[in-house]
Amino acid sequence: MKMALNSNLPIKSLCNTVVLVEDNKAEADLTRIIYRELSLPVEIVHFQNGEEFITFLSENGHDGICYVLLDLNMPRLNGFEILVTLARNDKWKHLAVIIFSSSSNEKDIAKCYELGANAYVAKPLDLNELDRSILSIHGFWGGVNIKPMPAITPV
């Protein structure tokens, strides 16, 4: 089991995919690099806008997704619209969605929670803080958090 940065707490991965919905290529690349440097055992699947993400879910389902890191301000379905779309779909409404945005606007934060976001993390500007934020997010949402089991339909 991999150990967190100078921590005595193990990070266990119960899933294999983190979805990153981010329109800024440089920020998406930096996020991938941090996951790789932290040796977090997941595949990062990146979508540049919400429309691509919803199309992916429609065509592939959500099995194996640990959590979604969602930016707010994007073209072709922004973060708010994605939250509404996920909440309206019985198959997707239990996906763990973490808003990962540079906005610290109180109205944005409140609206995200009202629309069903599980967490809101303001992206730190400092790289060490960004590392710690990603490690904390993954330690909880990709490790200790217990996701709901899918409903079993009787035959």
Protein backbone atom coordinates (compact mmCIF):
# COMPACT_ATOMS: atom_id res chain seq x y z
CA MET A 1 0.00 0.00 0.00
CA LYS A 2 1.35 3.43 -0.93
CA MET A 3 2.00 5.91 1.87
CA ALA A 4 0.98 9.55 1.66
CA LEU A 5 3.71 12.21 1.67
CA ASN A 6 5.52 11.77 5.00
CA SER A 7 2.33 10.44 6.56
CA ASN A 8 1.57 7.32 8.50
CA LEU A 9 -1.81 7.00 6.78
CA PRO A 10 -2.00 4.65 3.78
CA ILE A 11 -3.86 5.72 0.68
CA LYS A 12 -5.85 2.87 -0.76
CA SER A 13 -7.49 3.13 -4.11
CA LEU A 14 -10.92 1.57 -4.51
CA CYS A 15 -11.39 2.71 -8.09
CA ASN A 16 -9.29 3.27 -11.17
CA THR A 17 -10.39 6.47 -12.92
CA VAL A 18 -10.49 10.16 -12.07
CA VAL A 19 -12.40 12.34 -14.49
CA LEU A 20 -11.06 15.85 -15.01
CA VAL A 21 -13.40 18.27 -16.75
CA GLU A 22 -11.25 21.33 -17.43
CA ASP A 23 -11.08 23.59 -20.49
CA ASN A 24 -7.64 25.04 -19.70
CA LYS A 25 -5.10 22.64 -21.24
CA ALA A 26 -2.20 23.92 -19.12
CA GLU A 27 -4.15 23.35 -15.89
CA ALA A 28 -5.25 19.90 -17.06
CA ASP A 29 -1.65 18.98 -17.91
CA LEU A 30 -0.43 20.24 -14.52
CA THR A 31 -3.09 18.19 -12.74
CA ARG A 32 -2.02 15.05 -14.62
CA ILE A 33 1.62 15.69 -13.76
CA ILE A 34 0.79 16.07 -10.07
CA TYR A 35 -1.18 12.80 -9.99
CA ARG A 36 1.74 11.05 -11.68
CA GLU A 37 4.37 12.62 -9.38
CA LEU A 38 2.31 11.66 -6.31
CA SER A 39 2.14 8.10 -7.70
CA LEU A 40 -1.63 8.01 -7.32
CA PRO A 41 -2.78 4.74 -8.92
CA VAL A 42 -5.49 6.09 -11.21
CA GLU A 43 -6.01 6.92 -14.84
CA ILE A 44 -6.89 10.56 -15.47
CA VAL A 45 -9.55 10.92 -18.17
CA HIS A 46 -9.69 14.53 -19.35
CA PHE A 47 -12.55 16.33 -21.07
CA GLN A 48 -12.22 19.91 -22.30
CA ASN A 49 -15.89 20.73 -21.82
CA GLY A 50 -19.02 19.42 -20.20
CA GLU A 51 -20.58 18.26 -23.44
CA GLU A 52 -17.70 15.83 -24.05
CA PHE A 53 -18.03 14.51 -20.50
CA ILE A 54 -21.80 13.93 -20.70
CA THR A 55 -21.38 12.23 -24.09
CA PHE A 56 -18.73 9.95 -22.57
CA LEU A 57 -21.04 9.02 -19.66
CA SER A 58 -23.90 8.34 -22.07
CA GLU A 59 -21.78 6.04 -24.22
CA ASN A 60 -19.58 4.38 -21.56
CA GLY A 61 -21.35 4.59 -18.21
CA HIS A 62 -19.61 5.50 -14.99
CA ASP A 63 -18.13 2.22 -13.71
CA GLY A 64 -14.66 2.67 -12.25
CA ILE A 65 -14.94 6.43 -11.81
CA CYS A 66 -13.61 7.39 -8.36
CA TYR A 67 -14.69 11.00 -8.60
CA VAL A 68 -15.00 13.93 -10.97
CA LEU A 69 -12.88 17.07 -10.71
CA LEU A 70 -15.07 19.71 -12.31
CA ASP A 71 -14.17 23.23 -13.37
CA LEU A 72 -17.00 25.76 -13.41
CA ASN A 73 -16.36 28.15 -16.28
CA MET A 74 -16.21 26.21 -19.51
CA PRO A 75 -17.75 26.39 -22.96
CA ARG A 76 -20.41 23.91 -24.12
CA LEU A 77 -21.96 23.00 -20.74
CA ASN A 78 -20.39 24.75 -17.79
CA GLY A 79 -19.94 23.21 -14.35
CA PHE A 80 -23.35 24.35 -13.09
CA GLU A 81 -25.09 22.81 -16.11
CA ILE A 82 -23.19 19.55 -15.62
CA LEU A 83 -24.30 19.38 -11.97
CA VAL A 84 -27.93 19.80 -13.07
CA THR A 85 -27.54 17.12 -15.76
CA LEU A 86 -25.97 14.65 -13.33
CA ALA A 87 -28.61 15.25 -10.65
CA ARG A 88 -31.43 14.57 -13.12
CA ASN A 89 -30.04 11.20 -14.17
CA ASP A 90 -30.67 8.30 -11.79
CA LYS A 91 -27.54 6.49 -13.01
CA TRP A 92 -25.22 9.47 -12.54
CA LYS A 93 -26.63 11.34 -9.55
CA HIS A 94 -24.39 9.46 -7.11
CA LEU A 95 -21.12 10.29 -8.86
CA ALA A 96 -18.79 12.10 -6.47
CA VAL A 97 -18.27 15.56 -7.96
CA ILE A 98 -15.63 17.87 -6.57
CA ILE A 99 -15.67 21.39 -7.91
CA PHE A 100 -12.04 22.27 -8.58
CA SER A 101 -12.11 25.91 -9.56
CA SER A 102 -10.07 29.08 -9.28
CA SER A 103 -13.25 30.88 -8.19
CA SER A 104 -13.78 31.52 -4.48
CA ASN A 105 -17.00 33.41 -5.11
CA GLU A 106 -19.42 32.67 -2.25
CA LYS A 107 -22.42 32.63 -4.59
CA ASP A 108 -20.71 30.10 -6.87
CA ILE A 109 -19.86 27.91 -3.89
CA ALA A 110 -23.41 28.01 -2.50
CA LYS A 111 -24.93 27.34 -5.93
CA CYS A 112 -22.66 24.31 -6.48
CA TYR A 113 -23.74 22.73 -3.21
CA GLU A 114 -27.40 23.49 -3.98
CA LEU A 115 -26.98 21.71 -7.33
CA GLY A 116 -25.46 18.60 -5.75
CA ALA A 117 -21.68 19.06 -5.65
CA ASN A 118 -20.07 16.86 -3.02
CA ALA A 119 -17.19 19.23 -2.33
CA TYR A 120 -15.77 22.56 -3.45
CA VAL A 121 -12.01 23.10 -3.56
CA ALA A 122 -10.51 26.41 -4.63
CA LYS A 123 -7.40 25.67 -6.70
CA PRO A 124 -4.36 26.92 -4.79
CA LEU A 125 -1.86 29.05 -6.68
CA ASP A 126 1.10 27.57 -4.79
CA LEU A 127 2.31 24.26 -6.29
CA ASN A 128 2.99 22.65 -2.90
CA GLU A 129 -0.52 23.56 -1.77
CA LEU A 130 -1.89 22.18 -5.04
CA ASP A 131 -0.06 18.89 -4.38
CA ARG A 132 -1.54 18.73 -0.87
CA SER A 133 -5.04 19.54 -2.15
CA ILE A 134 -4.93 16.77 -4.75
CA LEU A 135 -3.49 14.30 -2.25
CA SER A 136 -6.26 15.16 0.23
CA ILE A 137 -8.98 14.93 -2.41
CA HIS A 138 -7.74 11.56 -3.59
CA GLY A 139 -7.12 10.24 -0.10
CA PHE A 140 -10.75 10.81 0.79
CA TRP A 141 -12.75 10.41 -2.44
CA GLY A 142 -10.51 7.74 -3.96
CA GLY A 143 -9.72 5.94 -0.73
CA VAL A 144 -11.75 6.11 2.45
CA ASN A 145 -15.06 7.28 0.99
CA ILE A 146 -17.62 4.50 0.54
CA LYS A 147 -19.70 4.93 -2.59
CA PRO A 148 -23.33 3.78 -2.79
CA MET A 149 -23.88 0.39 -4.35
CA PRO A 150 -25.90 0.32 -7.56
CA ALA A 151 -29.46 -0.83 -7.16
CA ILE A 152 -30.06 -4.45 -8.11
CA THR A 153 -33.13 -5.00 -10.22
CA PRO A 154 -34.92 -8.28 -9.44
CA VAL A 155 -35.30 -10.60 -12.42
